Amino acid sequence: MYDMKMLEKLQTLEAKAPEAVRAFWAFDKAALAGGVIPAKVKELIALGVAFTTQCPYCIKIHGQRARAAGASEEEIAETVLVAAALRAGAAITHGTHALEE
């Protein structure tokens, strides 16, 4: 199901909804461009979000971009653990809703 070749279908999506797709890509580019937060840090943030949403496409793409922006394997490893901590924390805090008063 998750094959990077599937991303070729983005061209079809753009052909069917060109204005919205172009707007999305412009937003994506602007959001991830270096600014006050450097591009490497933004890519590590994107990678952490990708781990929590479990999107294999985003993990692959943002992992590559993070490395290209200078992220080390140690930084990526810490990003994995930050994402894991947040996901686990959400389970714990949401678990309080299952407790009776």
PDB file of N, CA and C in Angstrom:
ATOM      1  N   MET A   1       0.819  -1.189   0.000  1.00  0.00           N
ATOM      2  CA  MET A   1       0.000   0.000   0.000  1.00  0.00           C
ATOM      3  C   MET A   1       0.867   1.259   0.000  1.00  0.00           C
ATOM      4  N   TYR A   2       1.872   1.296   0.850  1.00  0.00           N
ATOM      5  CA  TYR A   2       2.728   2.476   0.926  1.00  0.00           C
ATOM      6  C   TYR A   2       3.958   2.281   0.059  1.00  0.00           C
ATOM      7  N   ASP A   3       3.855   2.724  -1.153  1.00  0.00           N
ATOM      8  CA  ASP A   3       4.931   2.642  -2.117  1.00  0.00           C
ATOM      9  C   ASP A   3       5.217   4.068  -2.562  1.00  0.00           C
ATOM     10  N   MET A   4       6.473   4.468  -2.519  1.00  0.00           N
ATOM     11  CA  MET A   4       6.824   5.832  -2.894  1.00  0.00           C
ATOM     12  C   MET A   4       6.375   6.159  -4.315  1.00  0.00           C
ATOM     13  N   LYS A   5       6.204   5.142  -5.150  1.00  0.00           N
ATOM     14  CA  LYS A   5       5.723   5.373  -6.509  1.00  0.00           C
ATOM     15  C   LYS A   5       4.303   5.938  -6.521  1.00  0.00           C
ATOM     16  N   MET A   6       3.557   5.692  -5.446  1.00  0.00           N
ATOM     17  CA  MET A   6       2.198   6.229  -5.365  1.00  0.00           C
ATOM     18  C   MET A   6       2.201   7.753  -5.395  1.00  0.00           C
ATOM     19  N   LEU A   7       3.306   8.350  -4.960  1.00  0.00           N
ATOM     20  CA  LEU A   7       3.378   9.806  -4.952  1.00  0.00           C
ATOM     21  C   LEU A   7       3.350  10.397  -6.357  1.00  0.00           C
ATOM     22  N   GLU A   8       3.604   9.559  -7.348  1.00  0.00           N
ATOM     23  CA  GLU A   8       3.480  10.013  -8.732  1.00  0.00           C
ATOM     24  C   GLU A   8       2.043  10.425  -9.043  1.00  0.00           C
ATOM     25  N   LYS A   9       1.095   9.868  -8.291  1.00  0.00           N
ATOM     26  CA  LYS A   9      -0.314  10.205  -8.498  1.00  0.00           C
ATOM     27  C   LYS A   9      -0.642  11.620  -8.027  1.00  0.00           C
ATOM     28  N   LEU A  10       0.307  12.266  -7.370  1.00  0.00           N
ATOM     29  CA  LEU A  10       0.083  13.658  -6.997  1.00  0.00           C
ATOM     30  C   LEU A  10      -0.120  14.521  -8.235  1.00  0.00           C
ATOM     31  N   GLN A  11       0.485  14.117  -9.341  1.00  0.00           N
ATOM     32  CA  GLN A  11       0.282  14.840 -10.602  1.00  0.00           C
ATOM     33  C   GLN A  11      -1.183  14.753 -11.030  1.00  0.00           C
ATOM     34  N   THR A  12      -1.786  13.605 -10.845  1.00  0.00           N
ATOM     35  CA  THR A  12      -3.203  13.438 -11.172  1.00  0.00           C
ATOM     36  C   THR A  12      -4.055  14.297 -10.250  1.00  0.00           C
ATOM     37  N   LEU A  13      -3.716  14.301  -8.976  1.00  0.00           N
ATOM     38  CA  LEU A  13      -4.437  15.128  -8.021  1.00  0.00           C
ATOM     39  C   LEU A  13      -4.340  16.599  -8.416  1.00  0.00           C
ATOM     40  N   GLU A  14      -3.148  17.022  -8.801  1.00  0.00           N
ATOM     41  CA  GLU A  14      -2.971  18.411  -9.211  1.00  0.00           C
ATOM     42  C   GLU A  14      -3.766  18.722 -10.481  1.00  0.00           C
ATOM     43  N   ALA A  15      -3.834  17.776 -11.400  1.00  0.00           N
ATOM     44  CA  ALA A  15      -4.603  17.990 -12.624  1.00  0.00           C
ATOM     45  C   ALA A  15      -6.096  18.148 -12.322  1.00  0.00           C
ATOM     46  N   LYS A  16      -6.574  17.460 -11.296  1.00  0.00           N
ATOM     47  CA  LYS A  16      -7.995  17.504 -10.940  1.00  0.00           C
ATOM     48  C   LYS A  16      -8.354  18.713 -10.086  1.00  0.00           C
ATOM     49  N   ALA A  17      -7.394  19.208  -9.307  1.00  0.00           N
ATOM     50  CA  ALA A  17      -7.637  20.352  -8.416  1.00  0.00           C
ATOM     51  C   ALA A  17      -6.392  21.244  -8.402  1.00  0.00           C
ATOM     52  N   PRO A  18      -6.039  21.829  -9.531  1.00  0.00           N
ATOM     53  CA  PRO A  18      -4.757  22.530  -9.662  1.00  0.00           C
ATOM     54  C   PRO A  18      -4.564  23.704  -8.706  1.00  0.00           C
ATOM     55  N   GLU A  19      -5.572  24.516  -8.542  1.00  0.00           N
ATOM     56  CA  GLU A  19      -5.410  25.694  -7.700  1.00  0.00           C
ATOM     57  C   GLU A  19      -5.144  25.312  -6.241  1.00  0.00           C
ATOM     58  N   ALA A  20      -5.921  24.386  -5.736  1.00  0.00           N
ATOM     59  CA  ALA A  20      -5.759  23.968  -4.341  1.00  0.00           C
ATOM     60  C   ALA A  20      -4.426  23.262  -4.119  1.00  0.00           C
ATOM     61  N   VAL A  21      -4.026  22.408  -5.049  1.00  0.00           N
ATOM     62  CA  VAL A  21      -2.759  21.687  -4.896  1.00  0.00           C
ATOM     63  C   VAL A  21      -1.586  22.660  -4.951  1.00  0.00           C
ATOM     64  N   ARG A  22      -1.622  23.594  -5.891  1.00  0.00           N
ATOM     65  CA  ARG A  22      -0.538  24.584  -5.968  1.00  0.00           C
ATOM     66  C   ARG A  22      -0.482  25.437  -4.700  1.00  0.00           C
ATOM     67  N   ALA A  23      -1.642  25.775  -4.170  1.00  0.00           N
ATOM     68  CA  ALA A  23      -1.681  26.547  -2.922  1.00  0.00           C
ATOM     69  C   ALA A  23      -1.090  25.735  -1.772  1.00  0.00           C
ATOM     70  N   PHE A  24      -1.418  24.437  -1.739  1.00  0.00           N
ATOM     71  CA  PHE A  24      -0.850  23.585  -0.698  1.00  0.00           C
ATOM     72  C   PHE A  24       0.674  23.545  -0.787  1.00  0.00           C
ATOM     73  N   TRP A  25       1.209  23.326  -2.004  1.00  0.00           N
ATOM     74  CA  TRP A  25       2.664  23.230  -2.156  1.00  0.00           C
ATOM     75  C   TRP A  25       3.345  24.545  -1.797  1.00  0.00           C
ATOM     76  N   ALA A  26       2.732  25.664  -2.130  1.00  0.00           N
ATOM     77  CA  ALA A  26       3.302  26.967  -1.763  1.00  0.00           C
ATOM     78  C   ALA A  26       3.319  27.123  -0.247  1.00  0.00           C
ATOM     79  N   PHE A  27       2.226  26.724   0.403  1.00  0.00           N
ATOM     80  CA  PHE A  27       2.165  26.784   1.870  1.00  0.00           C
ATOM     81  C   PHE A  27       3.210  25.871   2.495  1.00  0.00           C
ATOM     82  N   ASP A  28       3.299  24.646   1.998  1.00  0.00           N
ATOM     83  CA  ASP A  28       4.266  23.677   2.509  1.00  0.00           C
ATOM     84  C   ASP A  28       5.688  24.222   2.399  1.00  0.00           C
ATOM     85  N   LYS A  29       6.003  24.774   1.248  1.00  0.00           N
ATOM     86  CA  LYS A  29       7.345  25.328   1.020  1.00  0.00           C
ATOM     87  C   LYS A  29       7.632  26.479   1.980  1.00  0.00           C
ATOM     88  N   ALA A  30       6.663  27.371   2.142  1.00  0.00           N
ATOM     89  CA  ALA A  30       6.848  28.519   3.037  1.00  0.00           C
ATOM     90  C   ALA A  30       6.974  28.079   4.497  1.00  0.00           C
ATOM     91  N   ALA A  31       6.149  27.126   4.895  1.00  0.00           N
ATOM     92  CA  ALA A  31       6.174  26.671   6.289  1.00  0.00           C
ATOM     93  C   ALA A  31       7.487  25.995   6.653  1.00  0.00           C
ATOM     94  N   LEU A  32       8.095  25.281   5.705  1.00  0.00           N
ATOM     95  CA  LEU A  32       9.317  24.532   5.991  1.00  0.00           C
ATOM     96  C   LEU A  32      10.596  25.287   5.644  1.00  0.00           C
ATOM     97  N   ALA A  33      10.464  26.474   5.065  1.00  0.00           N
ATOM     98  CA  ALA A  33      11.653  27.261   4.728  1.00  0.00           C
ATOM     99  C   ALA A  33      12.321  27.754   6.010  1.00  0.00           C
ATOM    100  N   GLY A  34      13.637  27.893   5.933  1.00  0.00           N
ATOM    101  CA  GLY A  34      14.356  28.434   7.076  1.00  0.00           C
ATOM    102  C   GLY A  34      13.873  29.839   7.393  1.00  0.00           C
ATOM    103  N   GLY A  35      13.873  30.171   8.627  1.00  0.00           N
ATOM    104  CA  GLY A  35      13.441  31.484   9.089  1.00  0.00           C
ATOM    105  C   GLY A  35      13.989  31.663  10.489  1.00  0.00           C
ATOM    106  N   VAL A  36      13.157  32.101  11.392  1.00  0.00           N
ATOM    107  CA  VAL A  36      13.568  32.200  12.794  1.00  0.00           C
ATOM    108  C   VAL A  36      13.964  30.810  13.289  1.00  0.00           C
ATOM    109  N   ILE A  37      13.181  29.823  12.890  1.00  0.00           N
ATOM    110  CA  ILE A  37      13.534  28.430  13.170  1.00  0.00           C
ATOM    111  C   ILE A  37      14.298  27.928  11.955  1.00  0.00           C
ATOM    112  N   PRO A  38      15.525  27.443  12.128  1.00  0.00           N
ATOM    113  CA  PRO A  38      16.310  26.965  10.988  1.00  0.00           C
ATOM    114  C   PRO A  38      15.646  25.763  10.296  1.00  0.00           C
ATOM    115  N   ALA A  39      15.937  25.611   9.005  1.00  0.00           N
ATOM    116  CA  ALA A  39      15.342  24.533   8.206  1.00  0.00           C
ATOM    117  C   ALA A  39      15.589  23.162   8.833  1.00  0.00           C
ATOM    118  N   LYS A  40      16.775  22.917   9.377  1.00  0.00           N
ATOM    119  CA  LYS A  40      17.066  21.616   9.988  1.00  0.00           C
ATOM    120  C   LYS A  40      16.106  21.330  11.136  1.00  0.00           C
ATOM    121  N   VAL A  41      15.867  22.327  11.958  1.00  0.00           N
ATOM    122  CA  VAL A  41      14.970  22.141  13.101  1.00  0.00           C
ATOM    123  C   VAL A  41      13.542  21.907  12.614  1.00  0.00           C
ATOM    124  N   LYS A  42      13.137  22.668  11.585  1.00  0.00           N
ATOM    125  CA  LYS A  42      11.796  22.459  11.034  1.00  0.00           C
ATOM    126  C   LYS A  42      11.647  21.049  10.481  1.00  0.00           C
ATOM    127  N   GLU A  43      12.677  20.536   9.833  1.00  0.00           N
ATOM    128  CA  GLU A  43      12.601  19.172   9.304  1.00  0.00           C
ATOM    129  C   GLU A  43      12.553  18.145  10.429  1.00  0.00           C
ATOM    130  N   LEU A  44      13.261  18.390  11.509  1.00  0.00           N
ATOM    131  CA  LEU A  44      13.178  17.483  12.662  1.00  0.00           C
ATOM    132  C   LEU A  44      11.790  17.538  13.288  1.00  0.00           C
ATOM    133  N   ILE A  45      11.188  18.726  13.359  1.00  0.00           N
ATOM    134  CA  ILE A  45       9.815  18.842  13.853  1.00  0.00           C
ATOM    135  C   ILE A  45       8.883  18.054  12.934  1.00  0.00           C
ATOM    136  N   ALA A  46       9.039  18.247  11.624  1.00  0.00           N
ATOM    137  CA  ALA A  46       8.199  17.531  10.663  1.00  0.00           C
ATOM    138  C   ALA A  46       8.377  16.019  10.815  1.00  0.00           C
ATOM    139  N   LEU A  47       9.595  15.591  11.043  1.00  0.00           N
ATOM    140  CA  LEU A  47       9.867  14.175  11.226  1.00  0.00           C
ATOM    141  C   LEU A  47       9.179  13.653  12.488  1.00  0.00           C
ATOM    142  N   GLY A  48       9.243  14.414  13.569  1.00  0.00           N
ATOM    143  CA  GLY A  48       8.560  14.019  14.806  1.00  0.00           C
ATOM    144  C   GLY A  48       7.058  13.907  14.621  1.00  0.00           C
ATOM    145  N   VAL A  49       6.482  14.852  13.905  1.00  0.00           N
ATOM    146  CA  VAL A  49       5.047  14.791  13.612  1.00  0.00           C
ATOM    147  C   VAL A  49       4.758  13.561  12.757  1.00  0.00           C
ATOM    148  N   ALA A  50       5.622  13.292  11.784  1.00  0.00           N
ATOM    149  CA  ALA A  50       5.434  12.119  10.924  1.00  0.00           C
ATOM    150  C   ALA A  50       5.453  10.828  11.733  1.00  0.00           C
ATOM    151  N   PHE A  51       6.297  10.764  12.760  1.00  0.00           N
ATOM    152  CA  PHE A  51       6.312   9.564  13.604  1.00  0.00           C
ATOM    153  C   PHE A  51       4.990   9.424  14.350  1.00  0.00           C
ATOM    154  N   THR A  52       4.447  10.540  14.843  1.00  0.00           N
ATOM    155  CA  THR A  52       3.207  10.441  15.608  1.00  0.00           C
ATOM    156  C   THR A  52       2.003  10.181  14.716  1.00  0.00           C
ATOM    157  N   THR A  53       2.021  10.702  13.478  1.00  0.00           N
ATOM    158  CA  THR A  53       0.920  10.415  12.559  1.00  0.00           C
ATOM    159  C   THR A  53       1.146   9.102  11.820  1.00  0.00           C
ATOM    160  N   GLN A  54       2.345   8.562  11.939  1.00  0.00           N
ATOM    161  CA  GLN A  54       2.746   7.292  11.337  1.00  0.00           C
ATOM    162  C   GLN A  54       2.596   7.297   9.816  1.00  0.00           C
ATOM    163  N   CYS A  55       3.007   8.401   9.199  1.00  0.00           N
ATOM    164  CA  CYS A  55       2.948   8.515   7.744  1.00  0.00           C
ATOM    165  C   CYS A  55       4.293   8.086   7.157  1.00  0.00           C
ATOM    166  N   PRO A  56       4.342   6.932   6.502  1.00  0.00           N
ATOM    167  CA  PRO A  56       5.623   6.465   5.972  1.00  0.00           C
ATOM    168  C   PRO A  56       6.203   7.387   4.903  1.00  0.00           C
ATOM    169  N   TYR A  57       5.335   8.035   4.135  1.00  0.00           N
ATOM    170  CA  TYR A  57       5.836   8.967   3.121  1.00  0.00           C
ATOM    171  C   TYR A  57       6.550  10.137   3.794  1.00  0.00           C
ATOM    172  N   CYS A  58       5.905  10.703   4.808  1.00  0.00           N
ATOM    173  CA  CYS A  58       6.503  11.843   5.510  1.00  0.00           C
ATOM    174  C   CYS A  58       7.780  11.441   6.256  1.00  0.00           C
ATOM    175  N   ILE A  59       7.786  10.255   6.840  1.00  0.00           N
ATOM    176  CA  ILE A  59       8.988   9.788   7.533  1.00  0.00           C
ATOM    177  C   ILE A  59      10.151   9.716   6.552  1.00  0.00           C
ATOM    178  N   LYS A  60       9.904   9.141   5.385  1.00  0.00           N
ATOM    179  CA  LYS A  60      10.966   9.014   4.377  1.00  0.00           C
ATOM    180  C   LYS A  60      11.411  10.393   3.878  1.00  0.00           C
ATOM    181  N   ILE A  61      10.469  11.204   3.475  1.00  0.00           N
ATOM    182  CA  ILE A  61      10.790  12.503   2.883  1.00  0.00           C
ATOM    183  C   ILE A  61      11.454  13.430   3.896  1.00  0.00           C
ATOM    184  N   HIS A  62      10.878  13.549   5.082  1.00  0.00           N
ATOM    185  CA  HIS A  62      11.441  14.480   6.064  1.00  0.00           C
ATOM    186  C   HIS A  62      12.706  13.932   6.715  1.00  0.00           C
ATOM    187  N   GLY A  63      12.841  12.613   6.765  1.00  0.00           N
ATOM    188  CA  GLY A  63      14.111  12.038   7.209  1.00  0.00           C
ATOM    189  C   GLY A  63      15.237  12.409   6.252  1.00  0.00           C
ATOM    190  N   GLN A  64      14.969  12.274   4.961  1.00  0.00           N
ATOM    191  CA  GLN A  64      15.973  12.641   3.953  1.00  0.00           C
ATOM    192  C   GLN A  64      16.278  14.138   4.012  1.00  0.00           C
ATOM    193  N   ARG A  65      15.226  14.942   4.125  1.00  0.00           N
ATOM    194  CA  ARG A  65      15.431  16.396   4.169  1.00  0.00           C
ATOM    195  C   ARG A  65      16.168  16.825   5.438  1.00  0.00           C
ATOM    196  N   ALA A  66      15.872  16.177   6.550  1.00  0.00           N
ATOM    197  CA  ALA A  66      16.568  16.509   7.793  1.00  0.00           C
ATOM    198  C   ALA A  66      18.059  16.216   7.652  1.00  0.00           C
ATOM    199  N   ARG A  67      18.380  15.066   7.087  1.00  0.00           N
ATOM    200  CA  ARG A  67      19.790  14.724   6.871  1.00  0.00           C
ATOM    201  C   ARG A  67      20.450  15.726   5.915  1.00  0.00           C
ATOM    202  N   ALA A  68      19.744  16.076   4.843  1.00  0.00           N
ATOM    203  CA  ALA A  68      20.293  17.037   3.874  1.00  0.00           C
ATOM    204  C   ALA A  68      20.510  18.405   4.510  1.00  0.00           C
ATOM    205  N   ALA A  69      19.690  18.732   5.513  1.00  0.00           N
ATOM    206  CA  ALA A  69      19.831  20.006   6.214  1.00  0.00           C
ATOM    207  C   ALA A  69      20.889  19.937   7.314  1.00  0.00           C
ATOM    208  N   GLY A  70      21.502  18.759   7.478  1.00  0.00           N
ATOM    209  CA  GLY A  70      22.595  18.624   8.433  1.00  0.00           C
ATOM    210  C   GLY A  70      22.268  17.895   9.717  1.00  0.00           C
ATOM    211  N   ALA A  71      21.081  17.309   9.820  1.00  0.00           N
ATOM    212  CA  ALA A  71      20.724  16.575  11.040  1.00  0.00           C
ATOM    213  C   ALA A  71      21.559  15.306  11.161  1.00  0.00           C
ATOM    214  N   SER A  72      21.991  15.044  12.355  1.00  0.00           N
ATOM    215  CA  SER A  72      22.775  13.838  12.621  1.00  0.00           C
ATOM    216  C   SER A  72      21.848  12.680  12.976  1.00  0.00           C
ATOM    217  N   GLU A  73      22.388  11.485  12.954  1.00  0.00           N
ATOM    218  CA  GLU A  73      21.619  10.312  13.354  1.00  0.00           C
ATOM    219  C   GLU A  73      21.201  10.431  14.826  1.00  0.00           C
ATOM    220  N   GLU A  74      22.053  11.060  15.634  1.00  0.00           N
ATOM    221  CA  GLU A  74      21.718  11.250  17.049  1.00  0.00           C
ATOM    222  C   GLU A  74      20.524  12.201  17.198  1.00  0.00           C
ATOM    223  N   GLU A  75      20.486  13.259  16.385  1.00  0.00           N
ATOM    224  CA  GLU A  75      19.352  14.186  16.440  1.00  0.00           C
ATOM    225  C   GLU A  75      18.072  13.491  15.990  1.00  0.00           C
ATOM    226  N   ILE A  76      18.183  12.666  14.975  1.00  0.00           N
ATOM    227  CA  ILE A  76      17.011  11.927  14.507  1.00  0.00           C
ATOM    228  C   ILE A  76      16.561  10.935  15.571  1.00  0.00           C
ATOM    229  N   ALA A  77      17.507  10.274  16.225  1.00  0.00           N
ATOM    230  CA  ALA A  77      17.161   9.332  17.294  1.00  0.00           C
ATOM    231  C   ALA A  77      16.433  10.039  18.434  1.00  0.00           C
ATOM    232  N   GLU A  78      16.906  11.226  18.816  1.00  0.00           N
ATOM    233  CA  GLU A  78      16.227  11.978  19.876  1.00  0.00           C
ATOM    234  C   GLU A  78      14.846  12.418  19.429  1.00  0.00           C
ATOM    235  N   THR A  79      14.705  12.748  18.157  1.00  0.00           N
ATOM    236  CA  THR A  79      13.398  13.124  17.621  1.00  0.00           C
ATOM    237  C   THR A  79      12.419  11.963  17.741  1.00  0.00           C
ATOM    238  N   VAL A  80      12.899  10.746  17.475  1.00  0.00           N
ATOM    239  CA  VAL A  80      12.060   9.554  17.634  1.00  0.00           C
ATOM    240  C   VAL A  80      11.548   9.479  19.066  1.00  0.00           C
ATOM    241  N   LEU A  81      12.435   9.694  20.034  1.00  0.00           N
ATOM    242  CA  LEU A  81      12.041   9.540  21.433  1.00  0.00           C
ATOM    243  C   LEU A  81      11.137  10.662  21.905  1.00  0.00           C
ATOM    244  N   VAL A  82      11.339  11.878  21.393  1.00  0.00           N
ATOM    245  CA  VAL A  82      10.418  12.971  21.727  1.00  0.00           C
ATOM    246  C   VAL A  82       9.025  12.631  21.211  1.00  0.00           C
ATOM    247  N   ALA A  83       8.945  12.159  19.970  1.00  0.00           N
ATOM    248  CA  ALA A  83       7.652  11.777  19.404  1.00  0.00           C
ATOM    249  C   ALA A  83       7.012  10.656  20.221  1.00  0.00           C
ATOM    250  N   ALA A  84       7.812   9.679  20.612  1.00  0.00           N
ATOM    251  CA  ALA A  84       7.289   8.563  21.408  1.00  0.00           C
ATOM    252  C   ALA A  84       6.777   9.049  22.757  1.00  0.00           C
ATOM    253  N   ALA A  85       7.503   9.962  23.384  1.00  0.00           N
ATOM    254  CA  ALA A  85       7.081  10.499  24.684  1.00  0.00           C
ATOM    255  C   ALA A  85       5.760  11.248  24.565  1.00  0.00           C
ATOM    256  N   LEU A  86       5.619  12.034  23.509  1.00  0.00           N
ATOM    257  CA  LEU A  86       4.379  12.785  23.314  1.00  0.00           C
ATOM    258  C   LEU A  86       3.207  11.857  23.037  1.00  0.00           C
ATOM    259  N   ARG A  87       3.457  10.844  22.241  1.00  0.00           N
ATOM    260  CA  ARG A  87       2.372   9.899  21.922  1.00  0.00           C
ATOM    261  C   ARG A  87       1.970   9.119  23.173  1.00  0.00           C
ATOM    262  N   ALA A  88       2.953   8.699  23.948  1.00  0.00           N
ATOM    263  CA  ALA A  88       2.657   7.971  25.186  1.00  0.00           C
ATOM    264  C   ALA A  88       1.965   8.895  26.190  1.00  0.00           C
ATOM    265  N   GLY A  89       2.429  10.134  26.263  1.00  0.00           N
ATOM    266  CA  GLY A  89       1.811  11.092  27.173  1.00  0.00           C
ATOM    267  C   GLY A  89       0.354  11.328  26.837  1.00  0.00           C
ATOM    268  N   ALA A  90       0.055  11.375  25.546  1.00  0.00           N
ATOM    269  CA  ALA A  90      -1.336  11.563  25.133  1.00  0.00           C
ATOM    270  C   ALA A  90      -2.198  10.372  25.568  1.00  0.00           C
ATOM    271  N   ALA A  91      -1.641   9.165  25.482  1.00  0.00           N
ATOM    272  CA  ALA A  91      -2.395   7.986  25.915  1.00  0.00           C
ATOM    273  C   ALA A  91      -2.682   8.063  27.418  1.00  0.00           C
ATOM    274  N   ILE A  92      -1.690   8.493  28.180  1.00  0.00           N
ATOM    275  CA  ILE A  92      -1.864   8.571  29.635  1.00  0.00           C
ATOM    276  C   ILE A  92      -2.885   9.643  30.011  1.00  0.00           C
ATOM    277  N   THR A  93      -2.750  10.835  29.417  1.00  0.00           N
ATOM    278  CA  THR A  93      -3.679  11.902  29.792  1.00  0.00           C
ATOM    279  C   THR A  93      -5.092  11.605  29.288  1.00  0.00           C
ATOM    280  N   HIS A  94      -5.206  11.010  28.118  1.00  0.00           N
ATOM    281  CA  HIS A  94      -6.536  10.643  27.639  1.00  0.00           C
ATOM    282  C   HIS A  94      -7.115   9.480  28.433  1.00  0.00           C
ATOM    283  N   GLY A  95      -6.239   8.666  29.001  1.00  0.00           N
ATOM    284  CA  GLY A  95      -6.685   7.556  29.827  1.00  0.00           C
ATOM    285  C   GLY A  95      -7.450   7.998  31.052  1.00  0.00           C
ATOM    286  N   THR A  96      -7.216   9.229  31.496  1.00  0.00           N
ATOM    287  CA  THR A  96      -7.959   9.723  32.671  1.00  0.00           C
ATOM    288  C   THR A  96      -9.447   9.796  32.395  1.00  0.00           C
ATOM    289  N   HIS A  97      -9.821   9.899  31.127  1.00  0.00           N
ATOM    290  CA  HIS A  97     -11.247   9.966  30.784  1.00  0.00           C
ATOM    291  C   HIS A  97     -11.942   8.627  30.999  1.00  0.00           C
ATOM    292  N   ALA A  98     -11.172   7.571  31.108  1.00  0.00           N
ATOM    293  CA  ALA A  98     -11.749   6.243  31.316  1.00  0.00           C
ATOM    294  C   ALA A  98     -11.954   5.931  32.796  1.00  0.00           C
ATOM    295  N   LEU A  99     -11.425   6.770  33.648  1.00  0.00           N
ATOM    296  CA  LEU A  99     -11.532   6.521  35.087  1.00  0.00           C
ATOM    297  C   LEU A  99     -12.843   7.101  35.623  1.00  0.00           C
ATOM    298  N   GLU A 100     -13.498   6.328  36.453  1.00  0.00           N
ATOM    299  CA  GLU A 100     -14.739   6.802  37.048  1.00  0.00           C
ATOM    300  C   GLU A 100     -14.422   7.718  38.203  1.00  0.00           C
ATOM    301  N   GLU A 101     -15.339   8.641  38.443  1.00  0.00           N
ATOM    302  CA  GLU A 101     -15.136   9.598  39.542  1.00  0.00           C
ATOM    303  C   GLU A 101     -15.611   9.025  40.837  1.00  0.00           C
TER     304      GLU A 101
END
